[in-house]
PDB file of N, CA and C in Angstrom:
ATOM      1  N   MET A   1     203.947 249.564 133.897  1.00  0.00           N
ATOM      2  CA  MET A   1     204.187 250.466 133.164  1.00  0.00           C
ATOM      3  C   MET A   1     204.524 249.090 131.700  1.00  0.00           C
ATOM      4  N   ILE A   2     204.347 250.131 130.932  1.00  0.00           N
ATOM      5  CA  ILE A   2     204.503 249.319 129.297  1.00  0.00           C
ATOM      6  C   ILE A   2     206.057 250.130 129.068  1.00  0.00           C
ATOM      7  N   GLN A   3     205.963 249.631 127.699  1.00  0.00           N
ATOM      8  CA  GLN A   3     207.375 250.781 126.615  1.00  0.00           C
ATOM      9  C   GLN A   3     206.093 250.891 125.279  1.00  0.00           C
ATOM     10  N   THR A   4     206.542 252.008 124.721  1.00  0.00           N
ATOM     11  CA  THR A   4     206.191 252.792 123.486  1.00  0.00           C
ATOM     12  C   THR A   4     206.818 251.842 122.694  1.00  0.00           C
ATOM     13  N   LYS A   5     207.096 251.557 121.439  1.00  0.00           N
ATOM     14  CA  LYS A   5     208.177 251.350 119.501  1.00  0.00           C
ATOM     15  C   LYS A   5     209.146 251.604 120.064  1.00  0.00           C
ATOM     16  N   ARG A   6     209.179 252.888 120.903  1.00  0.00           N
ATOM     17  CA  ARG A   6     210.470 253.906 120.719  1.00  0.00           C
ATOM     18  C   ARG A   6     211.192 253.783 122.193  1.00  0.00           C
ATOM     19  N   ASN A   7     210.807 252.552 122.611  1.00  0.00           N
ATOM     20  CA  ASN A   7     211.712 252.046 124.522  1.00  0.00           C
ATOM     21  C   ASN A   7     210.758 253.950 124.386  1.00  0.00           C
ATOM     22  N   LYS A   8     209.321 254.050 125.417  1.00  0.00           N
ATOM     23  CA  LYS A   8     209.843 255.235 126.075  1.00  0.00           C
ATOM     24  C   LYS A   8     209.247 254.918 126.983  1.00  0.00           C
ATOM     25  N   PRO A   9     209.329 254.531 128.020  1.00  0.00           N
ATOM     26  CA  PRO A   9     208.395 254.197 129.907  1.00  0.00           C
ATOM     27  C   PRO A   9     206.504 255.150 129.602  1.00  0.00           C
ATOM     28  N   LEU A  10     205.361 254.469 129.373  1.00  0.00           N
ATOM     29  CA  LEU A  10     205.059 255.145 129.939  1.00  0.00           C
ATOM     30  C   LEU A  10     204.147 254.488 131.535  1.00  0.00           C
ATOM     31  N   LEU A  11     203.688 256.059 131.688  1.00  0.00           N
ATOM     32  CA  LEU A  11     203.120 255.848 133.455  1.00  0.00           C
ATOM     33  C   LEU A  11     201.381 255.825 133.261  1.00  0.00           C
ATOM     34  N   SER A  12     201.263 255.402 134.692  1.00  0.00           N
ATOM     35  CA  SER A  12     199.882 255.351 134.255  1.00  0.00           C
ATOM     36  C   SER A  12     199.235 256.600 134.828  1.00  0.00           C
ATOM     37  N   LEU A  13     198.008 257.451 134.329  1.00  0.00           N
ATOM     38  CA  LEU A  13     198.000 258.307 135.320  1.00  0.00           C
ATOM     39  C   LEU A  13     197.895 258.495 136.676  1.00  0.00           C
ATOM     40  N   SER A  14     197.424 257.593 137.527  1.00  0.00           N
ATOM     41  CA  SER A  14     198.032 257.528 138.944  1.00  0.00           C
ATOM     42  C   SER A  14     199.515 257.550 139.425  1.00  0.00           C
ATOM     43  N   GLU A  15     200.283 256.782 138.595  1.00  0.00           N
ATOM     44  CA  GLU A  15     201.787 256.995 139.092  1.00  0.00           C
ATOM     45  C   GLU A  15     202.855 258.788 138.569  1.00  0.00           C
ATOM     46  N   LEU A  16     201.351 259.316 137.264  1.00  0.00           N
ATOM     47  CA  LEU A  16     201.985 260.462 136.700  1.00  0.00           C
ATOM     48  C   LEU A  16     201.773 261.616 137.651  1.00  0.00           C
ATOM     49  N   ALA A  17     200.512 261.200 138.246  1.00  0.00           N
ATOM     50  CA  ALA A  17     200.079 262.377 139.716  1.00  0.00           C
ATOM     51  C   ALA A  17     200.792 261.835 140.825  1.00  0.00           C
ATOM     52  N   GLN A  18     201.638 261.015 141.044  1.00  0.00           N
ATOM     53  CA  GLN A  18     202.005 260.140 142.478  1.00  0.00           C
ATOM     54  C   GLN A  18     203.604 261.748 141.461  1.00  0.00           C
ATOM     55  N   ARG A  19     204.030 261.201 141.266  1.00  0.00           N
ATOM     56  CA  ARG A  19     205.351 262.283 140.602  1.00  0.00           C
ATOM     57  C   ARG A  19     204.720 263.496 140.641  1.00  0.00           C
ATOM     58  N   ALA A  20     203.831 263.361 140.291  1.00  0.00           N
ATOM     59  CA  ALA A  20     203.669 265.037 139.999  1.00  0.00           C
ATOM     60  C   ALA A  20     203.083 266.357 141.601  1.00  0.00           C
ATOM     61  N   GLY A  21     203.262 264.666 142.794  1.00  0.00           N
ATOM     62  CA  GLY A  21     202.625 265.780 143.348  1.00  0.00           C
ATOM     63  C   GLY A  21     201.352 265.500 144.163  1.00  0.00           C
ATOM     64  N   LYS A  22     199.656 265.028 142.748  1.00  0.00           N
ATOM     65  CA  LYS A  22     199.234 266.091 143.032  1.00  0.00           C
ATOM     66  C   LYS A  22     197.830 264.071 142.959  1.00  0.00           C
ATOM     67  N   PRO A  23     196.917 264.589 144.428  1.00  0.00           N
ATOM     68  CA  PRO A  23     196.037 263.078 144.125  1.00  0.00           C
ATOM     69  C   PRO A  23     195.579 262.636 143.256  1.00  0.00           C
ATOM     70  N   HIS A  24     195.508 263.647 142.215  1.00  0.00           N
ATOM     71  CA  HIS A  24     194.740 262.727 140.812  1.00  0.00           C
ATOM     72  C   HIS A  24     194.759 263.889 139.615  1.00  0.00           C
ATOM     73  N   ILE A  25     194.975 263.365 138.564  1.00  0.00           N
ATOM     74  CA  ILE A  25     194.620 264.256 137.181  1.00  0.00           C
ATOM     75  C   ILE A  25     194.265 262.737 136.320  1.00  0.00           C
ATOM     76  N   THR A  26     193.613 263.340 135.190  1.00  0.00           N
ATOM     77  CA  THR A  26     193.006 262.892 133.779  1.00  0.00           C
ATOM     78  C   THR A  26     193.892 263.632 132.689  1.00  0.00           C
ATOM     79  N   MET A  27     193.175 262.124 131.591  1.00  0.00           N
ATOM     80  CA  MET A  27     194.204 262.512 130.708  1.00  0.00           C
ATOM     81  C   MET A  27     193.725 263.725 129.712  1.00  0.00           C
ATOM     82  N   ARG A  28     192.975 263.932 130.306  1.00  0.00           N
ATOM     83  CA  ARG A  28     191.905 265.354 129.496  1.00  0.00           C
ATOM     84  C   ARG A  28     193.307 266.997 130.205  1.00  0.00           C
ATOM     85  N   ALA A  29     193.888 265.733 131.294  1.00  0.00           N
ATOM     86  CA  ALA A  29     194.419 267.874 131.436  1.00  0.00           C
ATOM     87  C   ALA A  29     195.745 267.628 131.143  1.00  0.00           C
ATOM     88  N   VAL A  30     195.837 266.332 131.545  1.00  0.00           N
ATOM     89  CA  VAL A  30     197.438 265.535 130.234  1.00  0.00           C
ATOM     90  C   VAL A  30     198.134 266.506 128.859  1.00  0.00           C
ATOM     91  N   LEU A  31     196.562 266.474 128.380  1.00  0.00           N
ATOM     92  CA  LEU A  31     196.893 266.730 126.895  1.00  0.00           C
ATOM     93  C   LEU A  31     196.768 267.940 126.814  1.00  0.00           C
ATOM     94  N   LYS A  32     196.292 268.611 128.308  1.00  0.00           N
ATOM     95  CA  LYS A  32     195.782 270.638 127.142  1.00  0.00           C
ATOM     96  C   LYS A  32     196.437 270.865 127.928  1.00  0.00           C
ATOM     97  N   VAL A  33     197.612 270.095 129.067  1.00  0.00           N
ATOM     98  CA  VAL A  33     199.164 271.541 129.224  1.00  0.00           C
ATOM     99  C   VAL A  33     200.294 271.152 128.766  1.00  0.00           C
ATOM    100  N   GLU A  34     199.995 269.232 127.960  1.00  0.00           N
ATOM    101  CA  GLU A  34     200.651 269.427 126.927  1.00  0.00           C
ATOM    102  C   GLU A  34     200.702 270.042 125.393  1.00  0.00           C
ATOM    103  N   GLY A  35     199.185 270.452 124.871  1.00  0.00           N
ATOM    104  CA  GLY A  35     198.609 271.697 123.837  1.00  0.00           C
ATOM    105  C   GLY A  35     198.301 270.554 123.050  1.00  0.00           C
ATOM    106  N   PHE A  36     197.987 269.510 123.255  1.00  0.00           N
ATOM    107  CA  PHE A  36     197.928 268.362 122.673  1.00  0.00           C
ATOM    108  C   PHE A  36     195.777 267.924 122.939  1.00  0.00           C
ATOM    109  N   LEU A  37     195.709 268.307 123.265  1.00  0.00           N
ATOM    110  CA  LEU A  37     194.253 268.423 123.534  1.00  0.00           C
ATOM    111  C   LEU A  37     193.288 268.535 122.038  1.00  0.00           C
ATOM    112  N   HIS A  38     193.427 270.198 121.520  1.00  0.00           N
ATOM    113  CA  HIS A  38     193.368 270.301 120.302  1.00  0.00           C
ATOM    114  C   HIS A  38     193.329 269.140 119.138  1.00  0.00           C
ATOM    115  N   SER A  39     194.514 268.639 119.095  1.00  0.00           N
ATOM    116  CA  SER A  39     194.870 267.023 118.257  1.00  0.00           C
ATOM    117  C   SER A  39     193.919 266.087 117.953  1.00  0.00           C
ATOM    118  N   CYS A  40     193.721 264.983 119.105  1.00  0.00           N
ATOM    119  CA  CYS A  40     193.101 264.652 119.475  1.00  0.00           C
ATOM    120  C   CYS A  40     191.309 263.968 119.075  1.00  0.00           C
ATOM    121  N   ARG A  41     191.698 264.161 118.720  1.00  0.00           N
ATOM    122  CA  ARG A  41     190.251 264.071 117.392  1.00  0.00           C
ATOM    123  C   ARG A  41     190.407 263.816 115.777  1.00  0.00           C
ATOM    124  N   ASP A  42     190.197 262.849 115.307  1.00  0.00           N
ATOM    125  CA  ASP A  42     189.980 262.329 114.142  1.00  0.00           C
ATOM    126  C   ASP A  42     189.528 263.486 113.222  1.00  0.00           C
ATOM    127  N   GLU A  43     189.310 262.862 111.255  1.00  0.00           N
ATOM    128  CA  GLU A  43     188.533 263.906 110.836  1.00  0.00           C
ATOM    129  C   GLU A  43     187.403 263.812 110.859  1.00  0.00           C
ATOM    130  N   SER A  44     186.821 263.074 111.324  1.00  0.00           N
ATOM    131  CA  SER A  44     185.136 262.694 111.802  1.00  0.00           C
ATOM    132  C   SER A  44     185.220 263.616 113.066  1.00  0.00           C
ATOM    133  N   GLY A  45     186.205 264.284 113.845  1.00  0.00           N
ATOM    134  CA  GLY A  45     185.638 264.971 115.176  1.00  0.00           C
ATOM    135  C   GLY A  45     186.063 264.282 116.497  1.00  0.00           C
ATOM    136  N   LYS A  46     185.908 262.589 115.911  1.00  0.00           N
ATOM    137  CA  LYS A  46     185.701 261.446 117.100  1.00  0.00           C
ATOM    138  C   LYS A  46     186.887 261.888 118.083  1.00  0.00           C
ATOM    139  N   PRO A  47     186.828 261.861 118.733  1.00  0.00           N
ATOM    140  CA  PRO A  47     188.157 261.057 119.905  1.00  0.00           C
ATOM    141  C   PRO A  47     189.133 260.052 119.259  1.00  0.00           C
ATOM    142  N   ARG A  48     190.273 260.545 119.522  1.00  0.00           N
ATOM    143  CA  ARG A  48     190.935 258.946 119.177  1.00  0.00           C
ATOM    144  C   ARG A  48     191.042 258.911 120.615  1.00  0.00           C
ATOM    145  N   GLU A  49     191.602 257.338 119.840  1.00  0.00           N
ATOM    146  CA  GLU A  49     192.244 256.524 121.406  1.00  0.00           C
ATOM    147  C   GLU A  49     192.675 255.828 122.806  1.00  0.00           C
ATOM    148  N   ILE A  50     192.665 255.871 123.214  1.00  0.00           N
ATOM    149  CA  ILE A  50     193.133 255.469 124.692  1.00  0.00           C
ATOM    150  C   ILE A  50     193.802 254.182 125.001  1.00  0.00           C
ATOM    151  N   VAL A  51     195.581 255.070 124.702  1.00  0.00           N
ATOM    152  CA  VAL A  51     196.198 253.636 125.073  1.00  0.00           C
ATOM    153  C   VAL A  51     196.012 253.027 126.306  1.00  0.00           C
ATOM    154  N   THR A  52     195.262 251.288 126.548  1.00  0.00           N
ATOM    155  CA  THR A  52     195.359 250.930 127.799  1.00  0.00           C
ATOM    156  C   THR A  52     195.647 250.016 127.435  1.00  0.00           C
ATOM    157  N   ASP A  53     196.511 249.618 129.500  1.00  0.00           N
ATOM    158  CA  ASP A  53     196.319 247.758 129.329  1.00  0.00           C
ATOM    159  C   ASP A  53     195.549 247.982 130.458  1.00  0.00           C
ATOM    160  N   LYS A  54     194.965 246.450 130.434  1.00  0.00           N
ATOM    161  CA  LYS A  54     194.121 246.175 131.738  1.00  0.00           C
ATOM    162  C   LYS A  54     193.184 246.771 132.099  1.00  0.00           C
ATOM    163  N   GLY A  55     192.335 248.417 131.553  1.00  0.00           N
ATOM    164  CA  GLY A  55     191.910 249.032 131.092  1.00  0.00           C
ATOM    165  C   GLY A  55     192.675 250.475 132.644  1.00  0.00           C
ATOM    166  N   ARG A  56     193.779 250.439 132.796  1.00  0.00           N
ATOM    167  CA  ARG A  56     194.427 251.178 133.242  1.00  0.00           C
ATOM    168  C   ARG A  56     195.216 252.655 132.327  1.00  0.00           C
ATOM    169  N   GLN A  57     194.436 253.456 132.194  1.00  0.00           N
ATOM    170  CA  GLN A  57     195.157 254.943 131.013  1.00  0.00           C
ATOM    171  C   GLN A  57     196.516 255.260 131.156  1.00  0.00           C
ATOM    172  N   PHE A  58     197.518 254.716 129.359  1.00  0.00           N
ATOM    173  CA  PHE A  58     198.000 255.536 129.369  1.00  0.00           C
ATOM    174  C   PHE A  58     198.935 256.549 129.002  1.00  0.00           C
ATOM    175  N   GLY A  59     197.912 256.208 127.368  1.00  0.00           N
ATOM    176  CA  GLY A  59     198.248 257.846 127.115  1.00  0.00           C
ATOM    177  C   GLY A  59     197.330 257.474 125.651  1.00  0.00           C
ATOM    178  N   MET A  60     197.263 258.762 124.734  1.00  0.00           N
ATOM    179  CA  MET A  60     196.723 258.558 123.487  1.00  0.00           C
ATOM    180  C   MET A  60     197.081 258.940 122.505  1.00  0.00           C
ATOM    181  N   LEU A  61     196.657 258.470 121.708  1.00  0.00           N
ATOM    182  CA  LEU A  61     196.970 257.613 120.106  1.00  0.00           C
ATOM    183  C   LEU A  61     196.408 258.598 119.702  1.00  0.00           C
ATOM    184  N   VAL A  62     197.374 259.312 119.106  1.00  0.00           N
ATOM    185  CA  VAL A  62     197.244 260.518 117.709  1.00  0.00           C
ATOM    186  C   VAL A  62     197.844 260.259 116.197  1.00  0.00           C
ATOM    187  N   ASN A  63     196.949 260.330 115.705  1.00  0.00           N
ATOM    188  CA  ASN A  63     197.855 260.098 114.505  1.00  0.00           C
ATOM    189  C   ASN A  63     199.421 258.693 114.075  1.00  0.00           C
ATOM    190  N   GLY A  64     198.537 257.668 114.885  1.00  0.00           N
ATOM    191  CA  GLY A  64     199.776 256.894 114.908  1.00  0.00           C
ATOM    192  C   GLY A  64     200.365 257.021 115.943  1.00  0.00           C
ATOM    193  N   GLU A  65     200.577 258.115 116.593  1.00  0.00           N
ATOM    194  CA  GLU A  65     202.366 258.317 117.476  1.00  0.00           C
ATOM    195  C   GLU A  65     200.969 258.407 119.349  1.00  0.00           C
ATOM    196  N   VAL A  66     201.723 257.531 120.106  1.00  0.00           N
ATOM    197  CA  VAL A  66     201.735 257.822 121.759  1.00  0.00           C
ATOM    198  C   VAL A  66     202.308 258.786 122.293  1.00  0.00           C
ATOM    199  N   PHE A  67     201.187 259.931 122.373  1.00  0.00           N
ATOM    200  CA  PHE A  67     201.751 260.626 123.507  1.00  0.00           C
ATOM    201  C   PHE A  67     201.756 260.639 124.995  1.00  0.00           C
ATOM    202  N   TRP A  68     202.907 260.517 125.429  1.00  0.00           N
ATOM    203  CA  TRP A  68     203.621 260.763 127.144  1.00  0.00           C
ATOM    204  C   TRP A  68     204.488 261.121 126.907  1.00  0.00           C
ATOM    205  N   THR A  69     204.876 262.832 127.543  1.00  0.00           N
ATOM    206  CA  THR A  69     206.430 262.879 127.350  1.00  0.00           C
ATOM    207  C   THR A  69     206.749 263.516 129.316  1.00  0.00           C
ATOM    208  N   PRO A  70     207.685 263.331 129.534  1.00  0.00           N
ATOM    209  CA  PRO A  70     208.515 263.670 131.180  1.00  0.00           C
ATOM    210  C   PRO A  70     208.246 264.371 131.446  1.00  0.00           C
ATOM    211  N   GLN A  71     207.985 265.579 130.246  1.00  0.00           N
ATOM    212  CA  GLN A  71     207.944 266.936 130.488  1.00  0.00           C
ATOM    213  C   GLN A  71     206.792 267.213 130.899  1.00  0.00           C
ATOM    214  N   VAL A  72     205.001 267.025 131.180  1.00  0.00           N
ATOM    215  CA  VAL A  72     203.644 266.832 131.729  1.00  0.00           C
ATOM    216  C   VAL A  72     204.594 267.053 132.801  1.00  0.00           C
ATOM    217  N   ILE A  73     205.061 266.713 133.532  1.00  0.00           N
ATOM    218  CA  ILE A  73     205.139 266.730 135.260  1.00  0.00           C
ATOM    219  C   ILE A  73     206.019 267.768 135.738  1.00  0.00           C
ATOM    220  N   GLU A  74     206.473 267.526 135.393  1.00  0.00           N
ATOM    221  CA  GLU A  74     207.175 269.187 135.321  1.00  0.00           C
ATOM    222  C   GLU A  74     206.685 270.363 135.340  1.00  0.00           C
ATOM    223  N   ARG A  75     205.981 270.620 134.252  1.00  0.00           N
ATOM    224  CA  ARG A  75     204.838 271.687 133.623  1.00  0.00           C
ATOM    225  C   ARG A  75     203.903 271.640 134.809  1.00  0.00           C
ATOM    226  N   LEU A  76     203.149 270.083 135.614  1.00  0.00           N
ATOM    227  CA  LEU A  76     202.318 270.071 136.553  1.00  0.00           C
ATOM    228  C   LEU A  76     202.492 270.421 138.237  1.00  0.00           C
ATOM    229  N   HIS A  77     204.097 270.584 138.750  1.00  0.00           N
ATOM    230  CA  HIS A  77     204.519 272.049 139.541  1.00  0.00           C
ATOM    231  C   HIS A  77     203.976 272.839 139.410  1.00  0.00           C
TER     232      HIS A  77
END
């Protein structure tokens, strides 16, 4: 687990899936649920950077902001 600048813990996708009671989850699903999917492209249309820690995906960086919210766990139930 890593911490963002605002001291909010970020879960890995497997940790999030486990908490949500799902066998697995993709970053795309998280972003779609949160309504960020359309926002995750830069001006040239390229996908934004995935924030990783040793290859594990933790969140999506959009306009300098890391998107990962606990509410997604509730919405996935």
